Amino acid sequence: MKSSTLNSLIGLVVVLGLGLWTVAFLLTREDPSANELLIHLGKTGATLALITAVGALVRQALKERDEARQAEKEKLDFYRGLLADFKSVHDRVENCRLLIEAHRSAKTYGEQLRNLVAGVVTLHNIKRALNPEFPELRKELDAPIVGMTAFLKKLLGEFRDHYKHISELQVVDEAWNKHLRDDMPKSGGPESYAPISRAWAEIEKLPELSVLRDDERYGEYKAAFIDHIDTASAILRARLPV
């Protein structure tokens, strides 16, 4: 119940009580003993009405305080949740960057790029959660989210266009390398084993992925993704208590 409604009800009860007391007083004004009793009742009633009114107002004030605290807690929890979501996107991208270069295989390339799809979904969900309840925050986070999404979509577009061919090369590479391993005893031992990796050679040619995995292009990666996620995180941390 809102405080204005509660105040109106308290006022109505007080007025009705005062009105009934006045009527009773007028009807029994010729009886001194009745009037004395009414006076005592009036004093007692006024005291009780005051206590009731003050108690109700205090309860309402405490309720509104608790509701405000709960609303603030929920808002801060929401900000912390957004920070965790941005971190999950960052972690997916960093895992992709490090594991593709470490494993150098079409299999890892496929696995890690599929993981980036969830990153794009997370960014879309953040945008939806901000609108319409947090219009100012959404306005501040819009540019970083758009930047991160654009970077991931470039990688995923490249993956869509090239992965089928790369995965086919990987199958051929594995079959040929198995043949070489099986033939090693006949061809002179491990020193004669020279595996091929045409799939990785194709992966190395991918320009968008090169921005992500090539240390020499880290500045481009930082501008295209890291700076955006740092900006978004700073905006949210500024809204959280130290």
Foldseek 3Di string as FASTA:
>chain_A
DAPVVLVVVLVVVVVVVVVVLVVQCVVCVVPVVSNVVSVVVVVVVVVVSVVVSVVVNVVNVVVVVVVVVVVLVVVLVVLVVLLVLLVVLVVLLVCLQPVCVVVLALVSNVVSLVSNVVNLVSLVVVLVVCPPPPPPLSVQLVVLSVLQNVLSVLSNVLCVVPSVVLVVQRVVQVVVLVVLVVCQVVPPHDVVRDGDRVSSVVVCPRPSSCCRHPPVNVVVVCVRHVVSSVSSNVSSVVSHDD
